């Protein structure tokens, strides 16, 4: 089991701020708590949002997200973001 904890299969989580049951920031906070509790290697978090104002971006950043992408998102922008985070 320890080997599995040290070698994450999940490198990145992409979430949307406007989900039906929980917003992206809340889900990222919960996932980060589980990551820490279970001593899992750091996972990169990307938040997709349709909000482009500074207040929402500050709130999203406070969740510990590694990158914010404003929708609509192009494949090129997503690929560039993943490269910047050393995911691909």
N, C-alpha and C. Protein backbone atom coordinates (compact mmCIF):
# COMPACT_ATOMS: atom_id res chain seq x y z
N UNK A 1 0.81 -1.20 0.00
CA UNK A 1 0.00 0.00 0.00
C UNK A 1 0.86 1.26 0.00
N UNK A 2 2.01 1.23 0.70
CA UNK A 2 2.87 2.40 0.74
C UNK A 2 3.38 2.77 -0.64
N UNK A 3 3.66 1.77 -1.47
CA UNK A 3 4.13 2.05 -2.83
C UNK A 3 3.08 2.80 -3.62
N UNK A 4 1.82 2.46 -3.43
CA UNK A 4 0.74 3.14 -4.14
C UNK A 4 0.64 4.59 -3.70
N UNK A 5 0.88 4.87 -2.43
CA UNK A 5 0.80 6.24 -1.94
C UNK A 5 1.91 7.10 -2.53
N UNK A 6 3.06 6.50 -2.77
CA UNK A 6 4.19 7.26 -3.28
C UNK A 6 4.15 7.46 -4.78
N UNK A 7 3.39 6.66 -5.49
CA UNK A 7 3.33 6.74 -6.94
C UNK A 7 1.89 7.00 -7.36
N UNK A 8 1.49 8.25 -7.32
CA UNK A 8 0.12 8.61 -7.69
C UNK A 8 -0.17 8.22 -9.13
N UNK A 9 -1.34 7.70 -9.32
CA UNK A 9 -1.82 7.48 -10.68
C UNK A 9 -2.50 8.75 -11.17
N UNK A 10 -3.00 9.55 -10.25
CA UNK A 10 -3.67 10.80 -10.59
C UNK A 10 -2.65 11.93 -10.48
N UNK A 11 -2.43 12.63 -11.58
CA UNK A 11 -1.48 13.73 -11.61
C UNK A 11 -2.17 15.08 -11.51
N UNK A 12 -3.44 15.13 -11.94
CA UNK A 12 -4.13 16.41 -12.04
C UNK A 12 -5.64 16.20 -11.90
N UNK A 13 -6.28 17.15 -11.24
CA UNK A 13 -7.74 17.18 -11.14
C UNK A 13 -8.21 18.49 -11.75
N UNK A 14 -9.13 18.39 -12.70
CA UNK A 14 -9.72 19.57 -13.31
C UNK A 14 -11.17 19.63 -12.86
N UNK A 15 -11.54 20.75 -12.28
CA UNK A 15 -12.90 20.89 -11.76
C UNK A 15 -13.52 22.18 -12.27
N UNK A 16 -14.83 22.24 -12.22
CA UNK A 16 -15.56 23.43 -12.64
C UNK A 16 -16.10 24.12 -11.40
N UNK A 17 -16.10 25.43 -11.40
CA UNK A 17 -16.63 26.16 -10.25
C UNK A 17 -18.14 25.99 -10.11
N UNK A 18 -18.83 25.80 -11.21
CA UNK A 18 -20.30 25.69 -11.15
C UNK A 18 -20.75 24.25 -11.38
N UNK A 19 -20.66 23.46 -10.32
CA UNK A 19 -21.15 22.08 -10.38
C UNK A 19 -22.44 22.00 -9.57
N UNK A 20 -23.20 20.97 -9.80
CA UNK A 20 -24.54 20.88 -9.22
C UNK A 20 -24.55 20.73 -7.70
N UNK A 21 -23.70 19.88 -7.15
CA UNK A 21 -23.80 19.58 -5.72
C UNK A 21 -22.76 20.29 -4.86
N UNK A 22 -21.62 20.60 -5.44
CA UNK A 22 -20.56 21.29 -4.69
C UNK A 22 -19.75 22.12 -5.68
N UNK A 23 -19.33 23.30 -5.26
CA UNK A 23 -18.55 24.12 -6.18
C UNK A 23 -17.12 23.60 -6.25
N UNK A 24 -16.42 23.99 -7.29
CA UNK A 24 -15.06 23.50 -7.52
C UNK A 24 -14.10 23.82 -6.39
N UNK A 25 -14.19 25.02 -5.83
CA UNK A 25 -13.29 25.41 -4.74
C UNK A 25 -13.48 24.53 -3.51
N UNK A 26 -14.73 24.25 -3.18
CA UNK A 26 -15.00 23.38 -2.02
C UNK A 26 -14.50 21.97 -2.27
N UNK A 27 -14.66 21.47 -3.48
CA UNK A 27 -14.19 20.12 -3.78
C UNK A 27 -12.66 20.06 -3.73
N UNK A 28 -12.00 21.11 -4.19
CA UNK A 28 -10.53 21.14 -4.14
C UNK A 28 -10.05 21.16 -2.69
N UNK A 29 -10.69 21.95 -1.84
CA UNK A 29 -10.32 21.99 -0.42
C UNK A 29 -10.45 20.61 0.20
N UNK A 30 -11.54 19.91 -0.08
CA UNK A 30 -11.76 18.57 0.45
C UNK A 30 -10.71 17.59 -0.07
N UNK A 31 -10.44 17.64 -1.37
CA UNK A 31 -9.44 16.75 -1.95
C UNK A 31 -8.06 17.00 -1.37
N UNK A 32 -7.71 18.26 -1.13
CA UNK A 32 -6.40 18.59 -0.55
C UNK A 32 -6.29 18.06 0.89
N UNK A 33 -7.40 18.10 1.63
CA UNK A 33 -7.41 17.53 2.98
C UNK A 33 -7.17 16.03 2.94
N UNK A 34 -7.83 15.36 2.00
CA UNK A 34 -7.65 13.91 1.85
C UNK A 34 -6.23 13.58 1.40
N UNK A 35 -5.69 14.40 0.52
CA UNK A 35 -4.32 14.24 0.04
C UNK A 35 -3.34 14.30 1.21
N UNK A 36 -3.53 15.30 2.07
CA UNK A 36 -2.64 15.47 3.23
C UNK A 36 -2.82 14.34 4.24
N UNK A 37 -4.09 14.02 4.54
CA UNK A 37 -4.38 12.98 5.52
C UNK A 37 -3.81 11.63 5.12
N UNK A 38 -3.88 11.32 3.84
CA UNK A 38 -3.42 10.02 3.35
C UNK A 38 -1.99 10.05 2.82
N UNK A 39 -1.31 11.18 3.02
CA UNK A 39 0.10 11.33 2.64
C UNK A 39 0.32 10.98 1.17
N UNK A 40 -0.55 11.52 0.33
CA UNK A 40 -0.46 11.30 -1.11
C UNK A 40 0.41 12.40 -1.71
N UNK A 41 1.22 12.00 -2.68
CA UNK A 41 2.06 12.97 -3.38
C UNK A 41 1.17 14.06 -3.96
N UNK A 42 1.67 15.29 -4.00
CA UNK A 42 0.89 16.44 -4.45
C UNK A 42 0.26 16.23 -5.81
N UNK A 43 -1.00 16.57 -5.90
CA UNK A 43 -1.76 16.53 -7.14
C UNK A 43 -1.98 17.97 -7.58
N UNK A 44 -1.90 18.23 -8.88
CA UNK A 44 -2.16 19.57 -9.41
C UNK A 44 -3.67 19.75 -9.57
N UNK A 45 -4.16 20.94 -9.25
CA UNK A 45 -5.58 21.24 -9.36
C UNK A 45 -5.79 22.43 -10.30
N UNK A 46 -6.68 22.24 -11.26
CA UNK A 46 -7.04 23.29 -12.20
C UNK A 46 -8.52 23.56 -12.07
N UNK A 47 -8.88 24.82 -11.97
CA UNK A 47 -10.28 25.21 -11.85
C UNK A 47 -10.74 25.91 -13.12
N UNK A 48 -11.84 25.43 -13.68
CA UNK A 48 -12.48 26.09 -14.81
C UNK A 48 -13.58 26.98 -14.27
N UNK A 49 -13.67 28.19 -14.80
CA UNK A 49 -14.69 29.12 -14.32
C UNK A 49 -15.18 30.00 -15.45
N UNK A 50 -16.42 30.39 -15.36
CA UNK A 50 -16.95 31.35 -16.33
C UNK A 50 -16.85 32.77 -15.77
N UNK A 51 -16.44 32.88 -14.50
CA UNK A 51 -16.29 34.18 -13.86
C UNK A 51 -14.90 34.73 -14.14
N UNK A 52 -14.82 35.96 -14.63
CA UNK A 52 -13.53 36.54 -14.98
C UNK A 52 -13.16 37.71 -14.07
N UNK A 53 -13.91 37.91 -12.99
CA UNK A 53 -13.62 39.05 -12.11
C UNK A 53 -12.61 38.67 -11.03
N UNK A 54 -11.93 39.67 -10.51
CA UNK A 54 -10.86 39.45 -9.54
C UNK A 54 -11.35 38.83 -8.24
N UNK A 55 -12.52 39.21 -7.76
CA UNK A 55 -13.04 38.69 -6.49
C UNK A 55 -13.23 37.17 -6.57
N UNK A 56 -13.84 36.69 -7.64
CA UNK A 56 -14.02 35.24 -7.79
C UNK A 56 -12.69 34.53 -7.95
N UNK A 57 -11.77 35.12 -8.68
CA UNK A 57 -10.46 34.48 -8.84
C UNK A 57 -9.70 34.41 -7.52
N UNK A 58 -9.83 35.45 -6.68
CA UNK A 58 -9.20 35.42 -5.36
C UNK A 58 -9.81 34.29 -4.52
N UNK A 59 -11.12 34.16 -4.56
CA UNK A 59 -11.79 33.09 -3.81
C UNK A 59 -11.36 31.71 -4.31
N UNK A 60 -11.24 31.58 -5.62
CA UNK A 60 -10.81 30.30 -6.17
C UNK A 60 -9.37 30.00 -5.77
N UNK A 61 -8.50 31.00 -5.85
CA UNK A 61 -7.10 30.80 -5.46
C UNK A 61 -6.98 30.40 -3.99
N UNK A 62 -7.87 30.88 -3.15
CA UNK A 62 -7.81 30.56 -1.72
C UNK A 62 -8.06 29.07 -1.44
N UNK A 63 -8.62 28.36 -2.40
CA UNK A 63 -8.86 26.93 -2.22
C UNK A 63 -7.58 26.12 -2.41
N UNK A 64 -6.53 26.76 -2.93
CA UNK A 64 -5.27 26.05 -3.14
C UNK A 64 -5.09 25.55 -4.56
N UNK A 65 -5.91 26.04 -5.46
CA UNK A 65 -5.83 25.64 -6.86
C UNK A 65 -4.49 26.08 -7.46
N UNK A 66 -3.98 25.29 -8.39
CA UNK A 66 -2.70 25.60 -9.03
C UNK A 66 -2.85 26.47 -10.26
N UNK A 67 -4.03 26.42 -10.89
CA UNK A 67 -4.27 27.23 -12.09
C UNK A 67 -5.77 27.46 -12.25
N UNK A 68 -6.09 28.61 -12.83
CA UNK A 68 -7.48 28.95 -13.15
C UNK A 68 -7.56 29.18 -14.65
N UNK A 69 -8.55 28.56 -15.26
CA UNK A 69 -8.79 28.76 -16.68
C UNK A 69 -10.21 29.30 -16.83
N UNK A 70 -10.32 30.43 -17.53
CA UNK A 70 -11.63 31.01 -17.78
C UNK A 70 -12.24 30.36 -19.02
N UNK A 71 -13.51 29.96 -18.88
CA UNK A 71 -14.22 29.35 -20.00
C UNK A 71 -14.70 30.42 -20.97
N UNK A 72 -14.83 30.11 -22.22
CA UNK A 72 -14.55 28.81 -22.83
C UNK A 72 -13.05 28.58 -22.91
N UNK A 73 -12.66 27.33 -22.78
CA UNK A 73 -11.25 26.95 -22.74
C UNK A 73 -10.88 26.26 -24.05
N UNK A 74 -9.83 26.72 -24.66
CA UNK A 74 -9.36 26.06 -25.87
C UNK A 74 -8.45 24.89 -25.50
N UNK A 75 -8.33 23.97 -26.39
CA UNK A 75 -7.45 22.82 -26.18
C UNK A 75 -6.00 23.30 -26.02
N UNK A 76 -5.63 24.32 -26.78
CA UNK A 76 -4.27 24.85 -26.72
C UNK A 76 -3.98 25.45 -25.34
N UNK A 77 -4.94 26.21 -24.78
CA UNK A 77 -4.76 26.79 -23.45
C UNK A 77 -4.66 25.70 -22.38
N UNK A 78 -5.51 24.69 -22.48
CA UNK A 78 -5.45 23.59 -21.51
C UNK A 78 -4.11 22.87 -21.62
N UNK A 79 -3.66 22.61 -22.82
CA UNK A 79 -2.38 21.93 -23.02
C UNK A 79 -1.23 22.77 -22.46
N UNK A 80 -1.26 24.08 -22.69
CA UNK A 80 -0.22 24.98 -22.18
C UNK A 80 -0.23 24.99 -20.64
N UNK A 81 -1.41 25.01 -20.05
CA UNK A 81 -1.53 24.98 -18.59
C UNK A 81 -0.97 23.69 -18.02
N UNK A 82 -1.30 22.57 -18.65
CA UNK A 82 -0.78 21.27 -18.20
C UNK A 82 0.74 21.21 -18.34
N UNK A 83 1.28 21.78 -19.39
CA UNK A 83 2.72 21.84 -19.56
C UNK A 83 3.37 22.70 -18.48
N UNK A 84 2.76 23.86 -18.18
CA UNK A 84 3.29 24.75 -17.14
C UNK A 84 3.31 24.08 -15.77
N UNK A 85 2.36 23.18 -15.54
CA UNK A 85 2.28 22.46 -14.27
C UNK A 85 3.08 21.15 -14.30
N UNK A 86 3.80 20.92 -15.40
CA UNK A 86 4.62 19.70 -15.58
C UNK A 86 3.79 18.42 -15.50
N UNK A 87 2.56 18.49 -16.01
CA UNK A 87 1.70 17.31 -16.06
C UNK A 87 1.98 16.53 -17.34
N UNK A 88 2.21 17.26 -18.42
CA UNK A 88 2.53 16.60 -19.69
C UNK A 88 3.84 17.15 -20.23
